[in-house]
């Protein structure tokens, strides 16, 4: 997924889009057919996407709290 140095990558609109792009990048990189420069670009983009996904998950985790006995408590899933 080559890109010019003047064009910064777009921030994904959703977690799902970021994850799908990350999956595509991993598949391309594992294929072993990318030139070294494209591998490095893919690695950088993958790191950006991973950070985005982690941030989104953390934001959702903080939002998923239940009101119990008048106090906010972390959701335990039970």
Protein backbone atom coordinates (compact mmCIF):
# COMPACT_ATOMS: atom_id res chain seq x y z
CA UNK A 1 0.00 0.00 0.00
CA UNK A 2 2.43 2.69 -1.16
CA UNK A 3 1.69 6.32 -0.46
CA UNK A 4 3.54 9.49 -1.12
CA UNK A 5 5.33 11.24 1.72
CA UNK A 6 3.17 14.33 1.11
CA UNK A 7 -0.11 12.49 1.70
CA UNK A 8 -0.63 11.44 5.31
CA UNK A 9 -2.83 8.36 5.78
CA UNK A 10 -6.45 8.91 6.64
CA UNK A 11 -7.72 8.09 10.08
CA UNK A 12 -10.20 5.23 9.74
CA UNK A 13 -13.84 6.15 10.25
CA UNK A 14 -14.50 3.14 12.45
CA UNK A 15 -12.78 0.43 14.44
CA UNK A 16 -14.05 -2.16 11.98
CA UNK A 17 -12.54 -0.33 8.99
CA UNK A 18 -9.22 0.00 10.80
CA UNK A 19 -9.23 -3.70 11.65
CA UNK A 20 -10.06 -4.65 8.05
CA UNK A 21 -7.22 -2.48 6.73
CA UNK A 22 -4.87 -3.97 9.30
CA UNK A 23 -5.88 -7.50 8.21
CA UNK A 24 -5.17 -6.60 4.56
CA UNK A 25 -1.79 -5.14 5.46
CA UNK A 26 -0.80 -8.22 7.43
CA UNK A 27 -1.82 -10.50 4.55
CA UNK A 28 0.22 -8.44 2.07
CA UNK A 29 3.24 -8.39 4.35
CA UNK A 30 3.03 -12.12 5.06
CA UNK A 31 2.83 -12.79 1.33
CA UNK A 32 6.47 -11.78 1.04
CA UNK A 33 5.96 -10.07 -2.31
CA UNK A 34 6.27 -6.43 -1.22
CA UNK A 35 9.43 -4.43 -1.89
CA UNK A 36 11.34 -3.35 1.21
CA UNK A 37 10.10 0.27 1.09
CA UNK A 38 6.49 -0.87 0.89
CA UNK A 39 7.07 -3.30 3.75
CA UNK A 40 8.34 -0.45 5.89
CA UNK A 41 5.36 1.74 4.92
CA UNK A 42 3.03 -1.16 5.71
CA UNK A 43 4.65 -1.67 9.08
CA UNK A 44 4.27 2.03 9.93
CA UNK A 45 0.64 2.09 8.81
CA UNK A 46 -0.03 -1.11 10.75
CA UNK A 47 1.39 0.50 13.90
CA UNK A 48 -0.87 3.53 13.36
CA UNK A 49 -3.92 1.30 12.85
CA UNK A 50 -3.08 -0.78 15.92
CA UNK A 51 -2.79 2.37 18.04
CA UNK A 52 -6.14 3.59 16.67
CA UNK A 53 -7.82 0.26 17.49
CA UNK A 54 -6.37 0.21 21.00
CA UNK A 55 -7.55 3.78 21.62
CA UNK A 56 -11.05 2.95 20.39
CA UNK A 57 -11.23 -0.17 22.54
CA UNK A 58 -10.08 1.76 25.59
CA UNK A 59 -12.65 4.50 24.94
CA UNK A 60 -15.43 1.93 24.59
CA UNK A 61 -14.24 0.07 27.68
CA UNK A 62 -14.49 3.27 29.70
CA UNK A 63 -17.97 3.95 28.33
CA UNK A 64 -19.23 0.45 29.08
CA UNK A 65 -19.98 0.92 32.73
CA UNK A 66 -23.17 0.09 34.50
CA UNK A 67 -24.91 2.09 37.13
CA UNK A 68 -25.16 -0.16 40.15
CA UNK A 69 -26.34 0.98 43.57
CA UNK A 70 -25.88 4.62 42.57
CA UNK A 71 -22.18 4.18 41.74
CA UNK A 72 -20.46 3.66 38.45
CA UNK A 73 -18.68 0.35 38.37
CA UNK A 74 -16.75 -1.32 35.61
CA UNK A 75 -18.81 -3.80 33.65
CA UNK A 76 -17.81 -7.37 34.49
CA UNK A 77 -19.80 -9.03 31.73
CA UNK A 78 -21.84 -11.17 34.10
